[in-house]
Amino acid sequence: MEDDRLQILEQDMIITMLQLQ
């Protein structure tokens, strides 16, 4: 379960970084 949450968090961070560019 926690792995799933971590993956979602990672994806969210990547999306945020891409938007910031």
PDB file of N, CA and C in Angstrom:
ATOM      1  N   MET A   1       0.838  -1.204   0.000  1.00  0.00           N
ATOM      2  CA  MET A   1       0.000   0.000   0.000  1.00  0.00           C
ATOM      3  C   MET A   1       0.878   1.261   0.000  1.00  0.00           C
ATOM      4  N   GLU A   2       1.845   1.284   0.877  1.00  0.00           N
ATOM      5  CA  GLU A   2       2.687   2.483   0.956  1.00  0.00           C
ATOM      6  C   GLU A   2       3.470   2.698  -0.343  1.00  0.00           C
ATOM      7  N   ASP A   3       3.867   1.601  -0.958  1.00  0.00           N
ATOM      8  CA  ASP A   3       4.580   1.714  -2.234  1.00  0.00           C
ATOM      9  C   ASP A   3       3.711   2.436  -3.254  1.00  0.00           C
ATOM     10  N   ASP A   4       2.420   2.110  -3.238  1.00  0.00           N
ATOM     11  CA  ASP A   4       1.486   2.743  -4.167  1.00  0.00           C
ATOM     12  C   ASP A   4       1.445   4.247  -3.924  1.00  0.00           C
ATOM     13  N   ARG A   5       1.331   4.616  -2.664  1.00  0.00           N
ATOM     14  CA  ARG A   5       1.277   6.047  -2.326  1.00  0.00           C
ATOM     15  C   ARG A   5       2.571   6.733  -2.741  1.00  0.00           C
ATOM     16  N   LEU A   6       3.677   6.067  -2.537  1.00  0.00           N
ATOM     17  CA  LEU A   6       4.965   6.644  -2.921  1.00  0.00           C
ATOM     18  C   LEU A   6       5.023   6.880  -4.421  1.00  0.00           C
ATOM     19  N   GLN A   7       4.555   5.911  -5.174  1.00  0.00           N
ATOM     20  CA  GLN A   7       4.569   6.045  -6.637  1.00  0.00           C
ATOM     21  C   GLN A   7       3.721   7.235  -7.070  1.00  0.00           C
ATOM     22  N   ILE A   8       2.544   7.384  -6.473  1.00  0.00           N
ATOM     23  CA  ILE A   8       1.662   8.504  -6.824  1.00  0.00           C
ATOM     24  C   ILE A   8       2.363   9.823  -6.474  1.00  0.00           C
ATOM     25  N   LEU A   9       3.003   9.862  -5.319  1.00  0.00           N
ATOM     26  CA  LEU A   9       3.714  11.071  -4.911  1.00  0.00           C
ATOM     27  C   LEU A   9       4.819  11.397  -5.914  1.00  0.00           C
ATOM     28  N   GLU A  10       5.551  10.396  -6.318  1.00  0.00           N
ATOM     29  CA  GLU A  10       6.644  10.593  -7.271  1.00  0.00           C
ATOM     30  C   GLU A  10       6.111  11.151  -8.588  1.00  0.00           C
ATOM     31  N   GLN A  11       5.030  10.569  -9.065  1.00  0.00           N
ATOM     32  CA  GLN A  11       4.437  11.033 -10.317  1.00  0.00           C
ATOM     33  C   GLN A  11       3.975  12.482 -10.168  1.00  0.00           C
ATOM     34  N   ASP A  12       3.370  12.802  -9.031  1.00  0.00           N
ATOM     35  CA  ASP A  12       2.879  14.158  -8.800  1.00  0.00           C
ATOM     36  C   ASP A  12       4.044  15.138  -8.825  1.00  0.00           C
ATOM     37  N   MET A  13       5.153  14.776  -8.205  1.00  0.00           N
ATOM     38  CA  MET A  13       6.326  15.651  -8.187  1.00  0.00           C
ATOM     39  C   MET A  13       6.861  15.862  -9.604  1.00  0.00           C
ATOM     40  N   ILE A  14       6.895  14.809 -10.382  1.00  0.00           N
ATOM     41  CA  ILE A  14       7.384  14.911 -11.765  1.00  0.00           C
ATOM     42  C   ILE A  14       6.482  15.853 -12.561  1.00  0.00           C
ATOM     43  N   ILE A  15       5.173  15.692 -12.410  1.00  0.00           N
ATOM     44  CA  ILE A  15       4.231  16.559 -13.132  1.00  0.00           C
ATOM     45  C   ILE A  15       4.457  18.009 -12.715  1.00  0.00           C
ATOM     46  N   THR A  16       4.623  18.247 -11.427  1.00  0.00           N
ATOM     47  CA  THR A  16       4.835  19.611 -10.938  1.00  0.00           C
ATOM     48  C   THR A  16       6.117  20.199 -11.534  1.00  0.00           C
ATOM     49  N   MET A  17       7.165  19.425 -11.542  1.00  0.00           N
ATOM     50  CA  MET A  17       8.439  19.912 -12.092  1.00  0.00           C
ATOM     51  C   MET A  17       8.286  20.240 -13.576  1.00  0.00           C
ATOM     52  N   LEU A  18       7.566  19.397 -14.303  1.00  0.00           N
ATOM     53  CA  LEU A  18       7.371  19.643 -15.730  1.00  0.00           C
ATOM     54  C   LEU A  18       6.572  20.920 -15.940  1.00  0.00           C
ATOM     55  N   GLN A  19       5.604  21.165 -15.089  1.00  0.00           N
ATOM     56  CA  GLN A  19       4.784  22.371 -15.227  1.00  0.00           C
ATOM     57  C   GLN A  19       5.605  23.619 -14.909  1.00  0.00           C
ATOM     58  N   LEU A  20       6.552  23.493 -13.994  1.00  0.00           N
ATOM     59  CA  LEU A  20       7.358  24.646 -13.589  1.00  0.00           C
ATOM     60  C   LEU A  20       8.309  25.081 -14.706  1.00  0.00           C
ATOM     61  N   GLN A  21       8.678  24.165 -15.563  1.00  0.00           N
ATOM     62  CA  GLN A  21       9.645  24.500 -16.616  1.00  0.00           C
ATOM     63  C   GLN A  21       9.092  25.528 -17.582  1.00  0.00           C
TER      64      GLN A  21
END
